[in-house]
Amino acid sequence: MVVDLKSGRCWQLNAVGAEAWALLQEGSTLSNVVDALASRYDVGRAQLTADVRQIVNDLTAQGLIVQDAVPSPR
């Protein structure tokens, strides 16, 4: 669960979203997040990349992260 302390709003992430969020908080790049998730889930790299980008876009749209601070995958 992600909580915006300023607004008090909460978002519940699925397992993949929660892992991506945790890795991003640690400073992982999108590419590293995709690599880590690919080692845990039976999902193609292209699908994982699209899913992680969507998570980042959603979190950015909600003001929870600043996308410029998240390097793009190669």
PDB file of N, CA and C in Angstrom:
ATOM      1  N   MET A   1       0.839  -1.165   0.000  1.00  0.00           N
ATOM      2  CA  MET A   1       0.000   0.000   0.000  1.00  0.00           C
ATOM      3  C   MET A   1       0.891   1.237   0.000  1.00  0.00           C
ATOM      4  N   VAL A   2       0.507   2.212  -0.791  1.00  0.00           N
ATOM      5  CA  VAL A   2       1.220   3.484  -0.876  1.00  0.00           C
ATOM      6  C   VAL A   2       0.305   4.558  -0.309  1.00  0.00           C
ATOM      7  N   VAL A   3       0.848   5.368   0.590  1.00  0.00           N
ATOM      8  CA  VAL A   3       0.067   6.430   1.212  1.00  0.00           C
ATOM      9  C   VAL A   3       0.725   7.771   0.901  1.00  0.00           C
ATOM     10  N   ASP A   4      -0.073   8.694   0.396  1.00  0.00           N
ATOM     11  CA  ASP A   4       0.382  10.068   0.184  1.00  0.00           C
ATOM     12  C   ASP A   4       0.115  10.811   1.482  1.00  0.00           C
ATOM     13  N   LEU A   5       1.169  11.107   2.213  1.00  0.00           N
ATOM     14  CA  LEU A   5       1.019  11.732   3.520  1.00  0.00           C
ATOM     15  C   LEU A   5       0.433  13.134   3.436  1.00  0.00           C
ATOM     16  N   LYS A   6       0.628  13.818   2.315  1.00  0.00           N
ATOM     17  CA  LYS A   6       0.083  15.171   2.164  1.00  0.00           C
ATOM     18  C   LYS A   6      -1.435  15.154   2.021  1.00  0.00           C
ATOM     19  N   SER A   7      -1.931  14.246   1.176  1.00  0.00           N
ATOM     20  CA  SER A   7      -3.372  14.222   0.912  1.00  0.00           C
ATOM     21  C   SER A   7      -4.118  13.181   1.740  1.00  0.00           C
ATOM     22  N   GLY A   8      -3.388  12.205   2.272  1.00  0.00           N
ATOM     23  CA  GLY A   8      -4.027  11.124   3.012  1.00  0.00           C
ATOM     24  C   GLY A   8      -4.599  10.038   2.124  1.00  0.00           C
ATOM     25  N   ARG A   9      -4.397  10.157   0.807  1.00  0.00           N
ATOM     26  CA  ARG A   9      -4.912   9.158  -0.139  1.00  0.00           C
ATOM     27  C   ARG A   9      -4.037   7.914  -0.103  1.00  0.00           C
ATOM     28  N   CYS A  10      -4.673   6.765  -0.346  1.00  0.00           N
ATOM     29  CA  CYS A  10      -3.979   5.480  -0.331  1.00  0.00           C
ATOM     30  C   CYS A  10      -4.191   4.755  -1.654  1.00  0.00           C
ATOM     31  N   TRP A  11      -3.187   4.001  -2.060  1.00  0.00           N
ATOM     32  CA  TRP A  11      -3.269   3.158  -3.251  1.00  0.00           C
ATOM     33  C   TRP A  11      -2.786   1.775  -2.879  1.00  0.00           C
ATOM     34  N   GLN A  12      -3.505   0.774  -3.318  1.00  0.00           N
ATOM     35  CA  GLN A  12      -3.088  -0.598  -3.091  1.00  0.00           C
ATOM     36  C   GLN A  12      -2.480  -1.130  -4.374  1.00  0.00           C
ATOM     37  N   LEU A  13      -1.273  -1.631  -4.275  1.00  0.00           N
ATOM     38  CA  LEU A  13      -0.572  -2.184  -5.430  1.00  0.00           C
ATOM     39  C   LEU A  13      -0.661  -3.699  -5.397  1.00  0.00           C
ATOM     40  N   ASN A  14      -0.679  -4.312  -6.585  1.00  0.00           N
ATOM     41  CA  ASN A  14      -0.607  -5.771  -6.631  1.00  0.00           C
ATOM     42  C   ASN A  14       0.830  -6.186  -6.306  1.00  0.00           C
ATOM     43  N   ALA A  15       1.104  -7.468  -6.281  1.00  0.00           N
ATOM     44  CA  ALA A  15       2.421  -7.970  -5.875  1.00  0.00           C
ATOM     45  C   ALA A  15       3.534  -7.410  -6.750  1.00  0.00           C
ATOM     46  N   VAL A  16       3.334  -7.396  -8.050  1.00  0.00           N
ATOM     47  CA  VAL A  16       4.359  -6.891  -8.967  1.00  0.00           C
ATOM     48  C   VAL A  16       4.556  -5.387  -8.760  1.00  0.00           C
ATOM     49  N   GLY A  17       3.458  -4.656  -8.635  1.00  0.00           N
ATOM     50  CA  GLY A  17       3.542  -3.221  -8.400  1.00  0.00           C
ATOM     51  C   GLY A  17       4.253  -2.908  -7.095  1.00  0.00           C
ATOM     52  N   ALA A  18       3.955  -3.675  -6.054  1.00  0.00           N
ATOM     53  CA  ALA A  18       4.598  -3.454  -4.756  1.00  0.00           C
ATOM     54  C   ALA A  18       6.102  -3.723  -4.829  1.00  0.00           C
ATOM     55  N   GLU A  19       6.484  -4.781  -5.535  1.00  0.00           N
ATOM     56  CA  GLU A  19       7.915  -5.070  -5.688  1.00  0.00           C
ATOM     57  C   GLU A  19       8.604  -3.983  -6.504  1.00  0.00           C
ATOM     58  N   ALA A  20       7.946  -3.534  -7.568  1.00  0.00           N
ATOM     59  CA  ALA A  20       8.518  -2.458  -8.386  1.00  0.00           C
ATOM     60  C   ALA A  20       8.694  -1.198  -7.542  1.00  0.00           C
ATOM     61  N   TRP A  21       7.671  -0.851  -6.757  1.00  0.00           N
ATOM     62  CA  TRP A  21       7.725   0.325  -5.886  1.00  0.00           C
ATOM     63  C   TRP A  21       8.908   0.207  -4.912  1.00  0.00           C
ATOM     64  N   ALA A  22       9.050  -0.949  -4.284  1.00  0.00           N
ATOM     65  CA  ALA A  22      10.140  -1.151  -3.318  1.00  0.00           C
ATOM     66  C   ALA A  22      11.505  -1.000  -3.988  1.00  0.00           C
ATOM     67  N   LEU A  23      11.647  -1.572  -5.169  1.00  0.00           N
ATOM     68  CA  LEU A  23      12.919  -1.476  -5.885  1.00  0.00           C
ATOM     69  C   LEU A  23      13.210  -0.037  -6.312  1.00  0.00           C
ATOM     70  N   LEU A  24      12.192   0.672  -6.753  1.00  0.00           N
ATOM     71  CA  LEU A  24      12.379   2.072  -7.141  1.00  0.00           C
ATOM     72  C   LEU A  24      12.775   2.914  -5.933  1.00  0.00           C
ATOM     73  N   GLN A  25      12.180   2.624  -4.773  1.00  0.00           N
ATOM     74  CA  GLN A  25      12.535   3.351  -3.555  1.00  0.00           C
ATOM     75  C   GLN A  25      13.994   3.134  -3.164  1.00  0.00           C
ATOM     76  N   GLU A  26      14.525   1.963  -3.505  1.00  0.00           N
ATOM     77  CA  GLU A  26      15.924   1.644  -3.214  1.00  0.00           C
ATOM     78  C   GLU A  26      16.877   2.325  -4.189  1.00  0.00           C
ATOM     79  N   GLY A  27      16.319   2.950  -5.230  1.00  0.00           N
ATOM     80  CA  GLY A  27      17.144   3.628  -6.216  1.00  0.00           C
ATOM     81  C   GLY A  27      17.440   2.818  -7.464  1.00  0.00           C
ATOM     82  N   SER A  28      16.745   1.690  -7.629  1.00  0.00           N
ATOM     83  CA  SER A  28      16.947   0.869  -8.823  1.00  0.00           C
ATOM     84  C   SER A  28      16.475   1.602 -10.072  1.00  0.00           C
ATOM     85  N   THR A  29      17.158   1.365 -11.173  1.00  0.00           N
ATOM     86  CA  THR A  29      16.713   1.893 -12.456  1.00  0.00           C
ATOM     87  C   THR A  29      15.548   1.045 -12.958  1.00  0.00           C
ATOM     88  N   LEU A  30      14.817   1.554 -13.938  1.00  0.00           N
ATOM     89  CA  LEU A  30      13.728   0.764 -14.513  1.00  0.00           C
ATOM     90  C   LEU A  30      14.249  -0.554 -15.075  1.00  0.00           C
ATOM     91  N   SER A  31      15.402  -0.489 -15.690  1.00  0.00           N
ATOM     92  CA  SER A  31      15.995  -1.697 -16.259  1.00  0.00           C
ATOM     93  C   SER A  31      16.287  -2.727 -15.162  1.00  0.00           C
ATOM     94  N   ASN A  32      16.810  -2.273 -14.028  1.00  0.00           N
ATOM     95  CA  ASN A  32      17.091  -3.181 -12.910  1.00  0.00           C
ATOM     96  C   ASN A  32      15.807  -3.739 -12.314  1.00  0.00           C
ATOM     97  N   VAL A  33      14.772  -2.912 -12.253  1.00  0.00           N
ATOM     98  CA  VAL A  33      13.477  -3.375 -11.752  1.00  0.00           C
ATOM     99  C   VAL A  33      12.949  -4.480 -12.657  1.00  0.00           C
ATOM    100  N   VAL A  34      13.006  -4.263 -13.957  1.00  0.00           N
ATOM    101  CA  VAL A  34      12.530  -5.274 -14.914  1.00  0.00           C
ATOM    102  C   VAL A  34      13.346  -6.552 -14.761  1.00  0.00           C
ATOM    103  N   ASP A  35      14.664  -6.430 -14.642  1.00  0.00           N
ATOM    104  CA  ASP A  35      15.514  -7.620 -14.462  1.00  0.00           C
ATOM    105  C   ASP A  35      15.116  -8.402 -13.210  1.00  0.00           C
ATOM    106  N   ALA A  36      14.922  -7.682 -12.115  1.00  0.00           N
ATOM    107  CA  ALA A  36      14.567  -8.339 -10.851  1.00  0.00           C
ATOM    108  C   ALA A  36      13.220  -9.045 -10.957  1.00  0.00           C
ATOM    109  N   LEU A  37      12.253  -8.380 -11.553  1.00  0.00           N
ATOM    110  CA  LEU A  37      10.924  -8.983 -11.690  1.00  0.00           C
ATOM    111  C   LEU A  37      10.942 -10.162 -12.660  1.00  0.00           C
ATOM    112  N   ALA A  38      11.747 -10.058 -13.709  1.00  0.00           N
ATOM    113  CA  ALA A  38      11.845 -11.151 -14.691  1.00  0.00           C
ATOM    114  C   ALA A  38      12.394 -12.418 -14.050  1.00  0.00           C
ATOM    115  N   SER A  39      13.241 -12.254 -13.034  1.00  0.00           N
ATOM    116  CA  SER A  39      13.806 -13.429 -12.361  1.00  0.00           C
ATOM    117  C   SER A  39      12.784 -14.088 -11.428  1.00  0.00           C
ATOM    118  N   ARG A  40      11.700 -13.389 -11.091  1.00  0.00           N
ATOM    119  CA  ARG A  40      10.707 -13.906 -10.144  1.00  0.00           C
ATOM    120  C   ARG A  40       9.407 -14.351 -10.803  1.00  0.00           C
ATOM    121  N   TYR A  41       9.105 -13.787 -11.965  1.00  0.00           N
ATOM    122  CA  TYR A  41       7.812 -14.046 -12.598  1.00  0.00           C
ATOM    123  C   TYR A  41       8.008 -14.583 -14.010  1.00  0.00           C
ATOM    124  N   ASP A  42       7.088 -15.432 -14.426  1.00  0.00           N
ATOM    125  CA  ASP A  42       7.124 -16.015 -15.765  1.00  0.00           C
ATOM    126  C   ASP A  42       6.373 -15.098 -16.729  1.00  0.00           C
ATOM    127  N   VAL A  43       6.982 -13.944 -16.996  1.00  0.00           N
ATOM    128  CA  VAL A  43       6.401 -12.944 -17.886  1.00  0.00           C
ATOM    129  C   VAL A  43       7.514 -12.462 -18.804  1.00  0.00           C
ATOM    130  N   GLY A  44       7.180 -12.231 -20.061  1.00  0.00           N
ATOM    131  CA  GLY A  44       8.180 -11.761 -21.015  1.00  0.00           C
ATOM    132  C   GLY A  44       8.728 -10.387 -20.636  1.00  0.00           C
ATOM    133  N   ARG A  45       9.966 -10.146 -21.008  1.00  0.00           N
ATOM    134  CA  ARG A  45      10.635  -8.886 -20.673  1.00  0.00           C
ATOM    135  C   ARG A  45       9.888  -7.681 -21.264  1.00  0.00           C
ATOM    136  N   ALA A  46       9.385  -7.813 -22.485  1.00  0.00           N
ATOM    137  CA  ALA A  46       8.659  -6.700 -23.114  1.00  0.00           C
ATOM    138  C   ALA A  46       7.407  -6.355 -22.310  1.00  0.00           C
ATOM    139  N   GLN A  47       6.684  -7.362 -21.846  1.00  0.00           N
ATOM    140  CA  GLN A  47       5.477  -7.124 -21.049  1.00  0.00           C
ATOM    141  C   GLN A  47       5.836  -6.504 -19.705  1.00  0.00           C
ATOM    142  N   LEU A  48       6.883  -7.011 -19.066  1.00  0.00           N
ATOM    143  CA  LEU A  48       7.312  -6.446 -17.785  1.00  0.00           C
ATOM    144  C   LEU A  48       7.746  -4.989 -17.935  1.00  0.00           C
ATOM    145  N   THR A  49       8.479  -4.701 -18.998  1.00  0.00           N
ATOM    146  CA  THR A  49       8.912  -3.324 -19.243  1.00  0.00           C
ATOM    147  C   THR A  49       7.708  -2.405 -19.396  1.00  0.00           C
ATOM    148  N   ALA A  50       6.722  -2.847 -20.175  1.00  0.00           N
ATOM    149  CA  ALA A  50       5.507  -2.045 -20.360  1.00  0.00           C
ATOM    150  C   ALA A  50       4.762  -1.875 -19.034  1.00  0.00           C
ATOM    151  N   ASP A  51       4.680  -2.944 -18.246  1.00  0.00           N
ATOM    152  CA  ASP A  51       3.978  -2.877 -16.966  1.00  0.00           C
ATOM    153  C   ASP A  51       4.687  -1.940 -15.985  1.00  0.00           C
ATOM    154  N   VAL A  52       6.011  -2.022 -15.915  1.00  0.00           N
ATOM    155  CA  VAL A  52       6.771  -1.165 -15.002  1.00  0.00           C
ATOM    156  C   VAL A  52       6.663   0.290 -15.444  1.00  0.00           C
ATOM    157  N   ARG A  53       6.735   0.524 -16.734  1.00  0.00           N
ATOM    158  CA  ARG A  53       6.549   1.900 -17.223  1.00  0.00           C
ATOM    159  C   ARG A  53       5.169   2.431 -16.854  1.00  0.00           C
ATOM    160  N   GLN A  54       4.151   1.586 -16.949  1.00  0.00           N
ATOM    161  CA  GLN A  54       2.797   2.006 -16.582  1.00  0.00           C
ATOM    162  C   GLN A  54       2.708   2.325 -15.093  1.00  0.00           C
ATOM    163  N   ILE A  55       3.328   1.499 -14.269  1.00  0.00           N
ATOM    164  CA  ILE A  55       3.348   1.757 -12.823  1.00  0.00           C
ATOM    165  C   ILE A  55       4.011   3.102 -12.547  1.00  0.00           C
ATOM    166  N   VAL A  56       5.157   3.343 -13.183  1.00  0.00           N
ATOM    167  CA  VAL A  56       5.872   4.609 -12.996  1.00  0.00           C
ATOM    168  C   VAL A  56       5.011   5.772 -13.469  1.00  0.00           C
ATOM    169  N   ASN A  57       4.376   5.624 -14.615  1.00  0.00           N
ATOM    170  CA  ASN A  57       3.503   6.685 -15.126  1.00  0.00           C
ATOM    171  C   ASN A  57       2.338   6.958 -14.173  1.00  0.00           C
ATOM    172  N   ASP A  58       1.728   5.892 -13.646  1.00  0.00           N
ATOM    173  CA  ASP A  58       0.608   6.053 -12.715  1.00  0.00           C
ATOM    174  C   ASP A  58       1.058   6.746 -11.426  1.00  0.00           C
ATOM    175  N   LEU A  59       2.193   6.317 -10.885  1.00  0.00           N
ATOM    176  CA  LEU A  59       2.703   6.928  -9.655  1.00  0.00           C
ATOM    177  C   LEU A  59       3.102   8.382  -9.887  1.00  0.00           C
ATOM    178  N   THR A  60       3.630   8.661 -11.069  1.00  0.00           N
ATOM    179  CA  THR A  60       3.990  10.039 -11.417  1.00  0.00           C
ATOM    180  C   THR A  60       2.737  10.900 -11.523  1.00  0.00           C
ATOM    181  N   ALA A  61       1.708  10.370 -12.175  1.00  0.00           N
ATOM    182  CA  ALA A  61       0.461  11.118 -12.349  1.00  0.00           C
ATOM    183  C   ALA A  61      -0.183  11.446 -11.002  1.00  0.00           C
ATOM    184  N   GLN A  62       0.015  10.586 -10.019  1.00  0.00           N
ATOM    185  CA  GLN A  62      -0.544  10.818  -8.685  1.00  0.00           C
ATOM    186  C   GLN A  62       0.372  11.694  -7.823  1.00  0.00           C
ATOM    187  N   GLY A  63       1.537  12.074  -8.376  1.00  0.00           N
ATOM    188  CA  GLY A  63       2.465  12.916  -7.636  1.00  0.00           C
ATOM    189  C   GLY A  63       3.263  12.173  -6.583  1.00  0.00           C
ATOM    190  N   LEU A  64       3.322  10.848  -6.690  1.00  0.00           N
ATOM    191  CA  LEU A  64       4.019  10.048  -5.694  1.00  0.00           C
ATOM    192  C   LEU A  64       5.502   9.877  -5.993  1.00  0.00           C
ATOM    193  N   ILE A  65       5.869  10.008  -7.262  1.00  0.00           N
ATOM    194  CA  ILE A  65       7.278   9.983  -7.649  1.00  0.00           C
ATOM    195  C   ILE A  65       7.497  11.053  -8.716  1.00  0.00           C
ATOM    196  N   VAL A  66       8.753  11.391  -8.881  1.00  0.00           N
ATOM    197  CA  VAL A  66       9.159  12.322  -9.929  1.00  0.00           C
ATOM    198  C   VAL A  66       9.859  11.480 -10.978  1.00  0.00           C
ATOM    199  N   GLN A  67       9.252  11.409 -12.156  1.00  0.00           N
ATOM    200  CA  GLN A  67       9.754  10.487 -13.182  1.00  0.00           C
ATOM    201  C   GLN A  67      11.161  10.854 -13.653  1.00  0.00           C
ATOM    202  N   ASP A  68      11.522  12.115 -13.632  1.00  0.00           N
ATOM    203  CA  ASP A  68      12.873  12.493 -14.041  1.00  0.00           C
ATOM    204  C   ASP A  68      13.928  11.832 -13.181  1.00  0.00           C
ATOM    205  N   ALA A  69      13.555  11.455 -11.972  1.00  0.00           N
ATOM    206  CA  ALA A  69      14.485  10.818 -11.043  1.00  0.00           C
ATOM    207  C   ALA A  69      14.617   9.324 -11.318  1.00  0.00           C
ATOM    208  N   VAL A  70      13.801   8.790 -12.226  1.00  0.00           N
ATOM    209  CA  VAL A  70      13.825   7.368 -12.550  1.00  0.00           C
ATOM    210  C   VAL A  70      14.405   7.195 -13.941  1.00  0.00           C
ATOM    211  N   PRO A  71      15.675   6.725 -14.066  1.00  0.00           N
ATOM    212  CA  PRO A  71      16.273   6.541 -15.397  1.00  0.00           C
ATOM    213  C   PRO A  71      15.500   5.522 -16.226  1.00  0.00           C
ATOM    214  N   SER A  72      15.381   5.770 -17.514  1.00  0.00           N
ATOM    215  CA  SER A  72      14.682   4.874 -18.430  1.00  0.00           C
ATOM    216  C   SER A  72      15.519   3.633 -18.720  1.00  0.00           C
ATOM    217  N   PRO A  73      14.846   2.505 -18.995  1.00  0.00           N
ATOM    218  CA  PRO A  73      15.592   1.293 -19.366  1.00  0.00           C
ATOM    219  C   PRO A  73      16.218   1.470 -20.744  1.00  0.00           C
ATOM    220  N   ARG A  74      17.279   0.740 -20.980  1.00  0.00           N
ATOM    221  CA  ARG A  74      17.966   0.800 -22.278  1.00  0.00           C
ATOM    222  C   ARG A  74      17.242   0.004 -23.313  1.00  0.00           C
TER     223      ARG A  74
END
